[in-house]
Amino acid sequence: MIRYLLLFFLGLLVYYSLRTALSPASRSSGRKQRQQRMTGQDMVLDPECNTYVVKERAVARRMHGEVMYFCSDSCARKHEEKDRS
């Protein structure tokens, strides 16, 4: 009895794996995801901790007439404090 249940679940696993791999929707969506990753996003350097951050997610501050980007509010505050002293 247990053998038949295991064979049944193994058959289901193979069926769904093949169905997913061979369906046209999965192939086209995979292409779209690759294209989105390949287009990339603008990265900016955080001057405080020297890490790169996606520009759209970065914290922006205007200092000395220039926009600077930081990974977080805490990095922006630290940089402002260093700049004041």
PDB file of N, CA and C in Angstrom:
ATOM      1  N   MET A   1       0.820  -1.194   0.000  1.00  0.00           N
ATOM      2  CA  MET A   1       0.000   0.000   0.000  1.00  0.00           C
ATOM      3  C   MET A   1       0.871   1.269   0.000  1.00  0.00           C
ATOM      4  N   ILE A   2       1.892   1.278   0.860  1.00  0.00           N
ATOM      5  CA  ILE A   2       2.774   2.443   0.924  1.00  0.00           C
ATOM      6  C   ILE A   2       3.522   2.606  -0.396  1.00  0.00           C
ATOM      7  N   ARG A   3       3.885   1.514  -1.008  1.00  0.00           N
ATOM      8  CA  ARG A   3       4.595   1.553  -2.282  1.00  0.00           C
ATOM      9  C   ARG A   3       3.742   2.240  -3.347  1.00  0.00           C
ATOM     10  N   TYR A   4       2.440   1.943  -3.370  1.00  0.00           N
ATOM     11  CA  TYR A   4       1.547   2.563  -4.354  1.00  0.00           C
ATOM     12  C   TYR A   4       1.395   4.061  -4.106  1.00  0.00           C
ATOM     13  N   LEU A   5       1.332   4.453  -2.840  1.00  0.00           N
ATOM     14  CA  LEU A   5       1.251   5.884  -2.526  1.00  0.00           C
ATOM     15  C   LEU A   5       2.524   6.608  -2.965  1.00  0.00           C
ATOM     16  N   LEU A   6       3.667   6.018  -2.691  1.00  0.00           N
ATOM     17  CA  LEU A   6       4.924   6.630  -3.116  1.00  0.00           C
ATOM     18  C   LEU A   6       5.010   6.736  -4.635  1.00  0.00           C
ATOM     19  N   LEU A   7       4.594   5.701  -5.337  1.00  0.00           N
ATOM     20  CA  LEU A   7       4.591   5.752  -6.799  1.00  0.00           C
ATOM     21  C   LEU A   7       3.622   6.809  -7.318  1.00  0.00           C
ATOM     22  N   PHE A   8       2.479   6.943  -6.664  1.00  0.00           N
ATOM     23  CA  PHE A   8       1.500   7.949  -7.057  1.00  0.00           C
ATOM     24  C   PHE A   8       2.084   9.355  -6.909  1.00  0.00           C
ATOM     25  N   PHE A   9       2.695   9.639  -5.752  1.00  0.00           N
ATOM     26  CA  PHE A   9       3.269  10.967  -5.525  1.00  0.00           C
ATOM     27  C   PHE A   9       4.474  11.225  -6.426  1.00  0.00           C
ATOM     28  N   LEU A  10       5.236  10.209  -6.703  1.00  0.00           N
ATOM     29  CA  LEU A  10       6.347  10.351  -7.633  1.00  0.00           C
ATOM     30  C   LEU A  10       5.830  10.671  -9.038  1.00  0.00           C
ATOM     31  N   GLY A  11       4.748  10.005  -9.434  1.00  0.00           N
ATOM     32  CA  GLY A  11       4.129  10.290 -10.728  1.00  0.00           C
ATOM     33  C   GLY A  11       3.612  11.718 -10.803  1.00  0.00           C
ATOM     34  N   LEU A  12       2.986  12.184  -9.725  1.00  0.00           N
ATOM     35  CA  LEU A  12       2.515  13.576  -9.691  1.00  0.00           C
ATOM     36  C   LEU A  12       3.675  14.557  -9.808  1.00  0.00           C
ATOM     37  N   LEU A  13       4.742  14.269  -9.105  1.00  0.00           N
ATOM     38  CA  LEU A  13       5.909  15.141  -9.152  1.00  0.00           C
ATOM     39  C   LEU A  13       6.477  15.223 -10.566  1.00  0.00           C
ATOM     40  N   VAL A  14       6.603  14.100 -11.218  1.00  0.00           N
ATOM     41  CA  VAL A  14       7.113  14.077 -12.592  1.00  0.00           C
ATOM     42  C   VAL A  14       6.154  14.813 -13.527  1.00  0.00           C
ATOM     43  N   TYR A  15       4.860  14.581 -13.363  1.00  0.00           N
ATOM     44  CA  TYR A  15       3.860  15.230 -14.214  1.00  0.00           C
ATOM     45  C   TYR A  15       3.941  16.756 -14.094  1.00  0.00           C
ATOM     46  N   TYR A  16       3.929  17.275 -12.859  1.00  0.00           N
ATOM     47  CA  TYR A  16       3.956  18.726 -12.681  1.00  0.00           C
ATOM     48  C   TYR A  16       5.296  19.331 -13.099  1.00  0.00           C
ATOM     49  N   SER A  17       6.363  18.597 -12.908  1.00  0.00           N
ATOM     50  CA  SER A  17       7.668  19.095 -13.350  1.00  0.00           C
ATOM     51  C   SER A  17       7.713  19.228 -14.865  1.00  0.00           C
ATOM     52  N   LEU A  18       7.242  18.203 -15.562  1.00  0.00           N
ATOM     53  CA  LEU A  18       7.223  18.262 -17.028  1.00  0.00           C
ATOM     54  C   LEU A  18       6.260  19.320 -17.534  1.00  0.00           C
ATOM     55  N   ARG A  19       5.112  19.428 -16.907  1.00  0.00           N
ATOM     56  CA  ARG A  19       4.124  20.419 -17.325  1.00  0.00           C
ATOM     57  C   ARG A  19       4.673  21.832 -17.170  1.00  0.00           C
ATOM     58  N   THR A  20       5.350  22.079 -16.076  1.00  0.00           N
ATOM     59  CA  THR A  20       5.925  23.401 -15.848  1.00  0.00           C
ATOM     60  C   THR A  20       7.059  23.686 -16.827  1.00  0.00           C
ATOM     61  N   ALA A  21       7.903  22.708 -17.046  1.00  0.00           N
ATOM     62  CA  ALA A  21       9.058  22.907 -17.923  1.00  0.00           C
ATOM     63  C   ALA A  21       8.658  23.084 -19.381  1.00  0.00           C
ATOM     64  N   LEU A  22       7.579  22.437 -19.804  1.00  0.00           N
ATOM     65  CA  LEU A  22       7.205  22.467 -21.215  1.00  0.00           C
ATOM     66  C   LEU A  22       6.128  23.482 -21.559  1.00  0.00           C
ATOM     67  N   SER A  23       5.563  24.154 -20.573  1.00  0.00           N
ATOM     68  CA  SER A  23       4.493  25.108 -20.875  1.00  0.00           C
ATOM     69  C   SER A  23       5.086  26.374 -21.488  1.00  0.00           C
ATOM     70  N   PRO A  24       4.442  26.927 -22.508  1.00  0.00           N
ATOM     71  CA  PRO A  24       4.956  28.140 -23.154  1.00  0.00           C
ATOM     72  C   PRO A  24       4.943  29.347 -22.226  1.00  0.00           C
ATOM     73  N   ALA A  25       4.023  29.402 -21.292  1.00  0.00           N
ATOM     74  CA  ALA A  25       3.945  30.551 -20.390  1.00  0.00           C
ATOM     75  C   ALA A  25       5.185  30.640 -19.520  1.00  0.00           C
ATOM     76  N   SER A  26       5.673  29.518 -19.038  1.00  0.00           N
ATOM     77  CA  SER A  26       6.845  29.564 -18.167  1.00  0.00           C
ATOM     78  C   SER A  26       8.085  29.992 -18.939  1.00  0.00           C
ATOM     79  N   ARG A  27       8.186  29.591 -20.189  1.00  0.00           N
ATOM     80  CA  ARG A  27       9.349  29.989 -20.976  1.00  0.00           C
ATOM     81  C   ARG A  27       9.323  31.479 -21.274  1.00  0.00           C
ATOM     82  N   SER A  28       8.162  32.024 -21.616  1.00  0.00           N
ATOM     83  CA  SER A  28       8.108  33.448 -21.937  1.00  0.00           C
ATOM     84  C   SER A  28       8.294  34.298 -20.694  1.00  0.00           C
ATOM     85  N   SER A  29       7.746  33.880 -19.562  1.00  0.00           N
ATOM     86  CA  SER A  29       7.926  34.672 -18.348  1.00  0.00           C
ATOM     87  C   SER A  29       9.379  34.632 -17.901  1.00  0.00           C
ATOM     88  N   GLY A  30      10.056  33.513 -18.130  1.00  0.00           N
ATOM     89  CA  GLY A  30      11.476  33.428 -17.810  1.00  0.00           C
ATOM     90  C   GLY A  30      12.292  34.393 -18.645  1.00  0.00           C
ATOM     91  N   ARG A  31      11.922  34.524 -19.915  1.00  0.00           N
ATOM     92  CA  ARG A  31      12.603  35.475 -20.796  1.00  0.00           C
ATOM     93  C   ARG A  31      12.393  36.900 -20.312  1.00  0.00           C
ATOM     94  N   LYS A  32      11.165  37.205 -19.911  1.00  0.00           N
ATOM     95  CA  LYS A  32      10.873  38.557 -19.436  1.00  0.00           C
ATOM     96  C   LYS A  32      11.680  38.877 -18.189  1.00  0.00           C
ATOM     97  N   GLN A  33      11.783  37.924 -17.278  1.00  0.00           N
ATOM     98  CA  GLN A  33      12.552  38.158 -16.058  1.00  0.00           C
ATOM     99  C   GLN A  33      14.024  38.380 -16.381  1.00  0.00           C
ATOM    100  N   ARG A  34      14.562  37.598 -17.312  1.00  0.00           N
ATOM    101  CA  ARG A  34      15.963  37.781 -17.688  1.00  0.00           C
ATOM    102  C   ARG A  34      16.177  39.150 -18.316  1.00  0.00           C
ATOM    103  N   GLN A  35      15.229  39.594 -19.158  1.00  0.00           N
ATOM    104  CA  GLN A  35      15.367  40.896 -19.789  1.00  0.00           C
ATOM    105  C   GLN A  35      15.332  42.001 -18.747  1.00  0.00           C
ATOM    106  N   GLN A  36      14.463  41.871 -17.736  1.00  0.00           N
ATOM    107  CA  GLN A  36      14.402  42.885 -16.695  1.00  0.00           C
ATOM    108  C   GLN A  36      15.703  42.932 -15.908  1.00  0.00           C
ATOM    109  N   ARG A  37      16.272  41.774 -15.621  1.00  0.00           N
ATOM    110  CA  ARG A  37      17.536  41.753 -14.893  1.00  0.00           C
ATOM    111  C   ARG A  37      18.660  42.323 -15.741  1.00  0.00           C
ATOM    112  N   MET A  38      18.613  42.092 -17.042  1.00  0.00           N
ATOM    113  CA  MET A  38      19.687  42.544 -17.910  1.00  0.00           C
ATOM    114  C   MET A  38      19.646  44.048 -18.127  1.00  0.00           C
ATOM    115  N   THR A  39      18.460  44.664 -18.056  1.00  0.00           N
ATOM    116  CA  THR A  39      18.383  46.100 -18.274  1.00  0.00           C
ATOM    117  C   THR A  39      19.069  46.847 -17.147  1.00  0.00           C
ATOM    118  N   GLY A  40      19.024  46.311 -15.934  1.00  0.00           N
ATOM    119  CA  GLY A  40      19.737  46.901 -14.817  1.00  0.00           C
ATOM    120  C   GLY A  40      19.061  48.134 -14.265  1.00  0.00           C
ATOM    121  N   GLN A  41      19.632  48.607 -13.214  1.00  0.00           N
ATOM    122  CA  GLN A  41      19.146  49.807 -12.554  1.00  0.00           C
ATOM    123  C   GLN A  41      20.351  50.662 -12.206  1.00  0.00           C
ATOM    124  N   ASP A  42      20.113  51.954 -12.069  1.00  0.00           N
ATOM    125  CA  ASP A  42      21.199  52.860 -11.713  1.00  0.00           C
ATOM    126  C   ASP A  42      21.601  52.632 -10.266  1.00  0.00           C
ATOM    127  N   MET A  43      22.894  52.509 -10.058  1.00  0.00           N
ATOM    128  CA  MET A  43      23.438  52.323  -8.719  1.00  0.00           C
ATOM    129  C   MET A  43      24.220  53.577  -8.340  1.00  0.00           C
ATOM    130  N   VAL A  44      24.150  53.942  -7.061  1.00  0.00           N
ATOM    131  CA  VAL A  44      24.889  55.097  -6.559  1.00  0.00           C
ATOM    132  C   VAL A  44      25.723  54.658  -5.363  1.00  0.00           C
ATOM    133  N   LEU A  45      26.824  55.348  -5.150  1.00  0.00           N
ATOM    134  CA  LEU A  45      27.737  55.016  -4.065  1.00  0.00           C
ATOM    135  C   LEU A  45      27.402  55.837  -2.831  1.00  0.00           C
ATOM    136  N   ASP A  46      27.202  55.163  -1.718  1.00  0.00           N
ATOM    137  CA  ASP A  46      26.984  55.822  -0.433  1.00  0.00           C
ATOM    138  C   ASP A  46      28.348  56.313   0.051  1.00  0.00           C
ATOM    139  N   PRO A  47      28.532  57.640   0.207  1.00  0.00           N
ATOM    140  CA  PRO A  47      29.853  58.150   0.597  1.00  0.00           C
ATOM    141  C   PRO A  47      30.223  57.819   2.042  1.00  0.00           C
ATOM    142  N   GLU A  48      29.263  57.463   2.859  1.00  0.00           N
ATOM    143  CA  GLU A  48      29.538  57.168   4.266  1.00  0.00           C
ATOM    144  C   GLU A  48      30.064  55.747   4.460  1.00  0.00           C
ATOM    145  N   CYS A  49      29.361  54.759   3.936  1.00  0.00           N
ATOM    146  CA  CYS A  49      29.767  53.364   4.171  1.00  0.00           C
ATOM    147  C   CYS A  49      30.316  52.690   2.911  1.00  0.00           C
ATOM    148  N   ASN A  50      30.402  53.442   1.825  1.00  0.00           N
ATOM    149  CA  ASN A  50      30.984  52.951   0.564  1.00  0.00           C
ATOM    150  C   ASN A  50      30.297  51.706   0.017  1.00  0.00           C
ATOM    151  N   THR A  51      28.984  51.660   0.125  1.00  0.00           N
ATOM    152  CA  THR A  51      28.231  50.573  -0.492  1.00  0.00           C
ATOM    153  C   THR A  51      27.419  51.143  -1.644  1.00  0.00           C
ATOM    154  N   TYR A  52      27.145  50.307  -2.618  1.00  0.00           N
ATOM    155  CA  TYR A  52      26.320  50.726  -3.744  1.00  0.00           C
ATOM    156  C   TYR A  52      24.865  50.422  -3.438  1.00  0.00           C
ATOM    157  N   VAL A  53      24.006  51.376  -3.778  1.00  0.00           N
ATOM    158  CA  VAL A  53      22.580  51.280  -3.503  1.00  0.00           C
ATOM    159  C   VAL A  53      21.828  51.576  -4.794  1.00  0.00           C
ATOM    160  N   VAL A  54      20.699  50.901  -4.997  1.00  0.00           N
ATOM    161  CA  VAL A  54      19.840  51.214  -6.139  1.00  0.00           C
ATOM    162  C   VAL A  54      19.337  52.644  -5.951  1.00  0.00           C
ATOM    163  N   LYS A  55      19.498  53.460  -6.958  1.00  0.00           N
ATOM    164  CA  LYS A  55      19.202  54.891  -6.846  1.00  0.00           C
ATOM    165  C   LYS A  55      17.758  55.147  -6.432  1.00  0.00           C
ATOM    166  N   GLU A  56      16.834  54.332  -6.935  1.00  0.00           N
ATOM    167  CA  GLU A  56      15.421  54.536  -6.617  1.00  0.00           C
ATOM    168  C   GLU A  56      15.118  54.282  -5.146  1.00  0.00           C
ATOM    169  N   ARG A  57      15.922  53.448  -4.484  1.00  0.00           N
ATOM    170  CA  ARG A  57      15.692  53.114  -3.074  1.00  0.00           C
ATOM    171  C   ARG A  57      16.572  53.907  -2.121  1.00  0.00           C
ATOM    172  N   ALA A  58      17.497  54.669  -2.647  1.00  0.00           N
ATOM    173  CA  ALA A  58      18.458  55.385  -1.809  1.00  0.00           C
ATOM    174  C   ALA A  58      17.811  56.586  -1.127  1.00  0.00           C
ATOM    175  N   VAL A  59      18.405  56.980  -0.013  1.00  0.00           N
ATOM    176  CA  VAL A  59      17.984  58.172   0.724  1.00  0.00           C
ATOM    177  C   VAL A  59      18.778  59.342   0.151  1.00  0.00           C
ATOM    178  N   ALA A  60      18.083  60.338  -0.375  1.00  0.00           N
ATOM    179  CA  ALA A  60      18.749  61.472  -1.026  1.00  0.00           C
ATOM    180  C   ALA A  60      18.802  62.668  -0.080  1.00  0.00           C
ATOM    181  N   ARG A  61      19.955  63.317  -0.045  1.00  0.00           N
ATOM    182  CA  ARG A  61      20.141  64.540   0.731  1.00  0.00           C
ATOM    183  C   ARG A  61      20.900  65.539  -0.139  1.00  0.00           C
ATOM    184  N   ARG A  62      20.532  66.829  -0.018  1.00  0.00           N
ATOM    185  CA  ARG A  62      21.239  67.869  -0.756  1.00  0.00           C
ATOM    186  C   ARG A  62      22.268  68.495   0.184  1.00  0.00           C
ATOM    187  N   MET A  63      23.533  68.402  -0.209  1.00  0.00           N
ATOM    188  CA  MET A  63      24.630  68.974   0.579  1.00  0.00           C
ATOM    189  C   MET A  63      25.566  69.716  -0.356  1.00  0.00           C
ATOM    190  N   HIS A  64      25.885  70.938   0.005  1.00  0.00           N
ATOM    191  CA  HIS A  64      26.805  71.765  -0.779  1.00  0.00           C
ATOM    192  C   HIS A  64      26.336  71.911  -2.223  1.00  0.00           C
ATOM    193  N   GLY A  65      25.029  72.027  -2.422  1.00  0.00           N
ATOM    194  CA  GLY A  65      24.473  72.200  -3.755  1.00  0.00           C
ATOM    195  C   GLY A  65      24.500  70.949  -4.614  1.00  0.00           C
ATOM    196  N   GLU A  66      24.766  69.820  -4.006  1.00  0.00           N
ATOM    197  CA  GLU A  66      24.866  68.561  -4.745  1.00  0.00           C
ATOM    198  C   GLU A  66      23.991  67.514  -4.053  1.00  0.00           C
ATOM    199  N   VAL A  67      23.306  66.688  -4.846  1.00  0.00           N
ATOM    200  CA  VAL A  67      22.482  65.621  -4.277  1.00  0.00           C
ATOM    201  C   VAL A  67      23.383  64.426  -3.990  1.00  0.00           C
ATOM    202  N   MET A  68      23.313  63.953  -2.742  1.00  0.00           N
ATOM    203  CA  MET A  68      24.094  62.785  -2.341  1.00  0.00           C
ATOM    204  C   MET A  68      23.124  61.682  -1.953  1.00  0.00           C
ATOM    205  N   TYR A  69      23.505  60.455  -2.229  1.00  0.00           N
ATOM    206  CA  TYR A  69      22.637  59.311  -1.968  1.00  0.00           C
ATOM    207  C   TYR A  69      23.260  58.414  -0.906  1.00  0.00           C
ATOM    208  N   PHE A  70      22.386  57.930  -0.003  1.00  0.00           N
ATOM    209  CA  PHE A  70      22.830  57.094   1.103  1.00  0.00           C
ATOM    210  C   PHE A  70      21.984  55.834   1.166  1.00  0.00           C
ATOM    211  N   CYS A  71      22.546  54.800   1.793  1.00  0.00           N
ATOM    212  CA  CYS A  71      21.822  53.534   1.898  1.00  0.00           C
ATOM    213  C   CYS A  71      20.725  53.604   2.951  1.00  0.00           C
ATOM    214  N   SER A  72      20.867  54.489   3.938  1.00  0.00           N
ATOM    215  CA  SER A  72      19.873  54.582   5.008  1.00  0.00           C
ATOM    216  C   SER A  72      19.903  55.974   5.623  1.00  0.00           C
ATOM    217  N   ASP A  73      18.888  56.245   6.446  1.00  0.00           N
ATOM    218  CA  ASP A  73      18.846  57.521   7.163  1.00  0.00           C
ATOM    219  C   ASP A  73      20.016  57.643   8.132  1.00  0.00           C
ATOM    220  N   SER A  74      20.383  56.538   8.754  1.00  0.00           N
ATOM    221  CA  SER A  74      21.478  56.605   9.729  1.00  0.00           C
ATOM    222  C   SER A  74      22.798  56.981   9.049  1.00  0.00           C
ATOM    223  N   CYS A  75      23.057  56.450   7.869  1.00  0.00           N
ATOM    224  CA  CYS A  75      24.272  56.834   7.141  1.00  0.00           C
ATOM    225  C   CYS A  75      24.212  58.306   6.737  1.00  0.00           C
ATOM    226  N   ALA A  76      23.047  58.770   6.331  1.00  0.00           N
ATOM    227  CA  ALA A  76      22.906  60.181   5.954  1.00  0.00           C
ATOM    228  C   ALA A  76      23.167  61.078   7.158  1.00  0.00           C
ATOM    229  N   ARG A  77      22.618  60.705   8.329  1.00  0.00           N
ATOM    230  CA  ARG A  77      22.841  61.502   9.547  1.00  0.00           C
ATOM    231  C   ARG A  77      24.314  61.506   9.949  1.00  0.00           C
ATOM    232  N   LYS A  78      24.956  60.356   9.893  1.00  0.00           N
ATOM    233  CA  LYS A  78      26.381  60.280  10.240  1.00  0.00           C
ATOM    234  C   LYS A  78      27.202  61.181   9.329  1.00  0.00           C
ATOM    235  N   HIS A  79      26.888  61.159   8.047  1.00  0.00           N
ATOM    236  CA  HIS A  79      27.633  61.978   7.094  1.00  0.00           C
ATOM    237  C   HIS A  79      27.380  63.464   7.353  1.00  0.00           C
ATOM    238  N   GLU A  80      26.143  63.827   7.664  1.00  0.00           N
ATOM    239  CA  GLU A  80      25.833  65.226   7.975  1.00  0.00           C
ATOM    240  C   GLU A  80      26.574  65.681   9.225  1.00  0.00           C
ATOM    241  N   GLU A  81      26.648  64.817  10.248  1.00  0.00           N
ATOM    242  CA  GLU A  81      27.363  65.173  11.477  1.00  0.00           C
ATOM    243  C   GLU A  81      28.853  65.352  11.212  1.00  0.00           C
ATOM    244  N   LYS A  82      29.442  64.489  10.415  1.00  0.00           N
ATOM    245  CA  LYS A  82      30.859  64.633  10.067  1.00  0.00           C
ATOM    246  C   LYS A  82      31.090  65.908   9.275  1.00  0.00           C
ATOM    247  N   ASP A  83      30.137  66.235   8.411  1.00  0.00           N
ATOM    248  CA  ASP A  83      30.264  67.414   7.559  1.00  0.00           C
ATOM    249  C   ASP A  83      30.197  68.693   8.392  1.00  0.00           C
ATOM    250  N   ARG A  84      29.391  68.688   9.444  1.00  0.00           N
ATOM    251  CA  ARG A  84      29.250  69.875  10.303  1.00  0.00           C
ATOM    252  C   ARG A  84      30.507  70.127  11.126  1.00  0.00           C
ATOM    253  N   SER A  85      31.175  69.075  11.531  1.00  0.00           N
ATOM    254  CA  SER A  85      32.343  69.266  12.410  1.00  0.00           C
ATOM    255  C   SER A  85      33.635  69.437  11.655  1.00  0.00           C
TER     256      SER A  85
END
